[in-house]
Amino acid sequence: MAQFGVVLFYTTSAVMRAEKMLKKSGYAVKLVPTPREFSSDCGIALRFDWDRRDQVHAVLEEAKVEFSAIHQLGA
């Protein structure tokens, strides 16, 4: 069974920029409502395959996309 993670953001514009950058880099991401167990300034999060966590983090850092946290779902 696939494990997923979510990236939390401060703003909707950051989520949209991150989605664009990650898809351009070939990663499968999906916009989802921010899970209730995680606090966030923005109600939208990006879901991704947890085994790609380091690569997703690197793409966001390189693109200078501001995010608040990365969490594993169902952990």
N, C-alpha and C. Protein backbone atom coordinates (compact mmCIF):
# COMPACT_ATOMS: atom_id res chain seq x y z
N MET A 1 0.84 -1.18 0.00
CA MET A 1 0.00 0.00 0.00
C MET A 1 0.89 1.25 0.00
N ALA A 2 0.57 2.18 -0.85
CA ALA A 2 1.36 3.41 -0.97
C ALA A 2 1.18 4.29 0.26
N GLN A 3 2.26 4.88 0.69
CA GLN A 3 2.24 5.85 1.77
C GLN A 3 2.30 7.24 1.13
N PHE A 4 1.54 8.15 1.69
CA PHE A 4 1.52 9.51 1.16
C PHE A 4 1.99 10.50 2.20
N GLY A 5 2.42 11.63 1.71
CA GLY A 5 2.77 12.76 2.55
C GLY A 5 2.03 13.97 2.04
N VAL A 6 2.03 15.03 2.86
CA VAL A 6 1.43 16.29 2.44
C VAL A 6 2.39 17.43 2.75
N VAL A 7 2.37 18.40 1.88
CA VAL A 7 3.12 19.63 2.10
C VAL A 7 2.09 20.69 2.48
N LEU A 8 2.33 21.38 3.59
CA LEU A 8 1.45 22.45 4.04
C LEU A 8 2.04 23.79 3.66
N PHE A 9 1.17 24.75 3.37
CA PHE A 9 1.61 26.05 2.88
C PHE A 9 0.95 27.18 3.67
N TYR A 10 1.55 28.36 3.55
CA TYR A 10 1.00 29.56 4.18
C TYR A 10 -0.05 30.22 3.29
N THR A 11 0.11 30.09 1.97
CA THR A 11 -0.79 30.79 1.04
C THR A 11 -1.21 29.88 -0.11
N THR A 12 -2.36 30.20 -0.68
CA THR A 12 -2.85 29.46 -1.84
C THR A 12 -1.92 29.65 -3.04
N SER A 13 -1.38 30.84 -3.20
CA SER A 13 -0.48 31.07 -4.34
C SER A 13 0.76 30.20 -4.25
N ALA A 14 1.25 29.94 -3.05
CA ALA A 14 2.41 29.06 -2.88
C ALA A 14 2.06 27.62 -3.25
N VAL A 15 0.85 27.19 -2.89
CA VAL A 15 0.41 25.83 -3.25
C VAL A 15 0.38 25.68 -4.76
N MET A 16 -0.20 26.66 -5.44
CA MET A 16 -0.31 26.59 -6.90
C MET A 16 1.06 26.59 -7.56
N ARG A 17 1.96 27.41 -7.05
CA ARG A 17 3.31 27.46 -7.62
C ARG A 17 4.03 26.13 -7.39
N ALA A 18 3.89 25.57 -6.18
CA ALA A 18 4.52 24.29 -5.86
C ALA A 18 3.98 23.18 -6.75
N GLU A 19 2.67 23.15 -6.94
CA GLU A 19 2.07 22.13 -7.80
C GLU A 19 2.66 22.21 -9.21
N LYS A 20 2.75 23.41 -9.72
CA LYS A 20 3.29 23.60 -11.07
C LYS A 20 4.74 23.13 -11.16
N MET A 21 5.55 23.51 -10.18
CA MET A 21 6.97 23.15 -10.20
C MET A 21 7.16 21.63 -10.07
N LEU A 22 6.40 21.00 -9.18
CA LEU A 22 6.55 19.56 -8.97
C LEU A 22 6.06 18.76 -10.17
N LYS A 23 4.95 19.17 -10.76
CA LYS A 23 4.46 18.47 -11.96
C LYS A 23 5.45 18.64 -13.11
N LYS A 24 6.01 19.83 -13.24
CA LYS A 24 7.01 20.09 -14.28
C LYS A 24 8.24 19.20 -14.09
N SER A 25 8.55 18.89 -12.83
CA SER A 25 9.69 18.03 -12.51
C SER A 25 9.34 16.55 -12.59
N GLY A 26 8.08 16.23 -12.93
CA GLY A 26 7.69 14.85 -13.14
C GLY A 26 7.13 14.12 -11.94
N TYR A 27 6.78 14.84 -10.88
CA TYR A 27 6.23 14.20 -9.68
C TYR A 27 4.71 14.19 -9.72
N ALA A 28 4.14 13.08 -9.24
CA ALA A 28 2.69 12.95 -9.15
C ALA A 28 2.24 13.61 -7.84
N VAL A 29 1.56 14.73 -7.96
CA VAL A 29 1.05 15.44 -6.80
C VAL A 29 -0.43 15.71 -6.99
N LYS A 30 -1.14 15.90 -5.89
CA LYS A 30 -2.57 16.16 -5.95
C LYS A 30 -2.94 17.20 -4.91
N LEU A 31 -3.74 18.18 -5.31
CA LEU A 31 -4.25 19.16 -4.36
C LEU A 31 -5.32 18.49 -3.50
N VAL A 32 -5.20 18.65 -2.18
CA VAL A 32 -6.16 18.05 -1.25
C VAL A 32 -6.46 19.07 -0.14
N PRO A 33 -7.61 18.94 0.51
CA PRO A 33 -7.85 19.79 1.69
C PRO A 33 -6.81 19.46 2.77
N THR A 34 -6.37 20.47 3.49
CA THR A 34 -5.41 20.22 4.56
C THR A 34 -6.04 19.28 5.58
N PRO A 35 -5.37 18.16 5.88
CA PRO A 35 -5.92 17.22 6.86
C PRO A 35 -6.14 17.89 8.22
N ARG A 36 -7.20 17.50 8.89
CA ARG A 36 -7.57 18.13 10.17
C ARG A 36 -6.51 18.01 11.24
N GLU A 37 -5.73 16.91 11.19
CA GLU A 37 -4.72 16.72 12.24
C GLU A 37 -3.54 17.68 12.12
N PHE A 38 -3.45 18.39 11.01
CA PHE A 38 -2.36 19.33 10.80
C PHE A 38 -2.90 20.75 10.74
N SER A 39 -2.24 21.64 11.43
CA SER A 39 -2.62 23.05 11.41
C SER A 39 -1.93 23.73 10.24
N SER A 40 -2.63 24.62 9.60
CA SER A 40 -2.05 25.33 8.46
C SER A 40 -2.77 26.65 8.25
N ASP A 41 -2.06 27.61 7.70
CA ASP A 41 -2.67 28.90 7.37
C ASP A 41 -3.53 28.78 6.11
N CYS A 42 -3.25 27.79 5.31
CA CYS A 42 -3.95 27.60 4.04
C CYS A 42 -4.75 26.30 4.11
N GLY A 43 -5.93 26.29 3.55
CA GLY A 43 -6.78 25.11 3.61
C GLY A 43 -6.50 24.08 2.54
N ILE A 44 -5.48 24.32 1.71
CA ILE A 44 -5.14 23.39 0.63
C ILE A 44 -3.72 22.88 0.87
N ALA A 45 -3.53 21.59 0.65
CA ALA A 45 -2.20 20.97 0.78
C ALA A 45 -1.91 20.19 -0.50
N LEU A 46 -0.66 19.79 -0.65
CA LEU A 46 -0.25 18.96 -1.79
C LEU A 46 0.08 17.57 -1.29
N ARG A 47 -0.57 16.56 -1.85
CA ARG A 47 -0.28 15.17 -1.49
C ARG A 47 0.72 14.61 -2.49
N PHE A 48 1.63 13.78 -1.99
CA PHE A 48 2.66 13.18 -2.85
C PHE A 48 3.03 11.81 -2.28
N ASP A 49 3.74 11.02 -3.07
CA ASP A 49 4.22 9.71 -2.62
C ASP A 49 5.33 9.92 -1.60
N TRP A 50 5.16 9.36 -0.40
CA TRP A 50 6.07 9.61 0.71
C TRP A 50 7.51 9.20 0.39
N ASP A 51 7.69 8.19 -0.44
CA ASP A 51 9.05 7.78 -0.77
C ASP A 51 9.79 8.82 -1.62
N ARG A 52 9.09 9.85 -2.07
CA ARG A 52 9.70 10.95 -2.83
C ARG A 52 9.91 12.20 -1.97
N ARG A 53 9.79 12.04 -0.65
CA ARG A 53 9.87 13.18 0.27
C ARG A 53 11.11 14.05 0.06
N ASP A 54 12.28 13.44 0.02
CA ASP A 54 13.51 14.22 -0.12
C ASP A 54 13.57 14.97 -1.45
N GLN A 55 13.11 14.34 -2.51
CA GLN A 55 13.12 14.99 -3.82
C GLN A 55 12.12 16.14 -3.87
N VAL A 56 10.92 15.93 -3.30
CA VAL A 56 9.90 16.99 -3.26
C VAL A 56 10.44 18.18 -2.48
N HIS A 57 11.04 17.92 -1.33
CA HIS A 57 11.63 18.99 -0.52
C HIS A 57 12.68 19.75 -1.31
N ALA A 58 13.53 19.03 -2.01
CA ALA A 58 14.61 19.66 -2.78
C ALA A 58 14.05 20.55 -3.90
N VAL A 59 13.03 20.08 -4.61
CA VAL A 59 12.43 20.88 -5.68
C VAL A 59 11.85 22.18 -5.11
N LEU A 60 11.14 22.08 -3.99
CA LEU A 60 10.54 23.28 -3.39
C LEU A 60 11.60 24.25 -2.90
N GLU A 61 12.65 23.73 -2.30
CA GLU A 61 13.75 24.59 -1.83
C GLU A 61 14.44 25.29 -3.01
N GLU A 62 14.73 24.52 -4.05
CA GLU A 62 15.42 25.08 -5.22
C GLU A 62 14.58 26.16 -5.90
N ALA A 63 13.25 25.95 -5.94
CA ALA A 63 12.35 26.91 -6.57
C ALA A 63 11.98 28.06 -5.63
N LYS A 64 12.48 27.97 -4.39
CA LYS A 64 12.21 29.00 -3.37
C LYS A 64 10.71 29.18 -3.12
N VAL A 65 10.00 28.03 -3.08
CA VAL A 65 8.58 28.03 -2.75
C VAL A 65 8.47 27.91 -1.23
N GLU A 66 7.82 28.87 -0.60
CA GLU A 66 7.70 28.87 0.86
C GLU A 66 6.59 27.91 1.29
N PHE A 67 6.95 26.99 2.19
CA PHE A 67 5.97 26.05 2.74
C PHE A 67 6.18 25.97 4.24
N SER A 68 5.14 25.51 4.95
CA SER A 68 5.25 25.50 6.41
C SER A 68 5.73 24.16 6.96
N ALA A 69 5.37 23.04 6.34
CA ALA A 69 5.78 21.74 6.86
C ALA A 69 5.51 20.64 5.85
N ILE A 70 6.18 19.50 6.07
CA ILE A 70 5.92 18.29 5.32
C ILE A 70 5.62 17.20 6.34
N HIS A 71 4.48 16.50 6.17
CA HIS A 71 4.07 15.47 7.11
C HIS A 71 3.71 14.19 6.37
N GLN A 72 3.92 13.07 7.04
CA GLN A 72 3.48 11.77 6.50
C GLN A 72 2.03 11.57 6.92
N LEU A 73 1.22 11.07 5.99
CA LEU A 73 -0.17 10.77 6.29
C LEU A 73 -0.28 9.36 6.86
N GLY A 74 -1.14 9.21 7.85
CA GLY A 74 -1.42 7.90 8.41
C GLY A 74 -0.28 7.30 9.18
N ALA A 75 0.67 8.12 9.58
CA ALA A 75 1.82 7.58 10.33
C ALA A 75 1.53 7.50 11.81
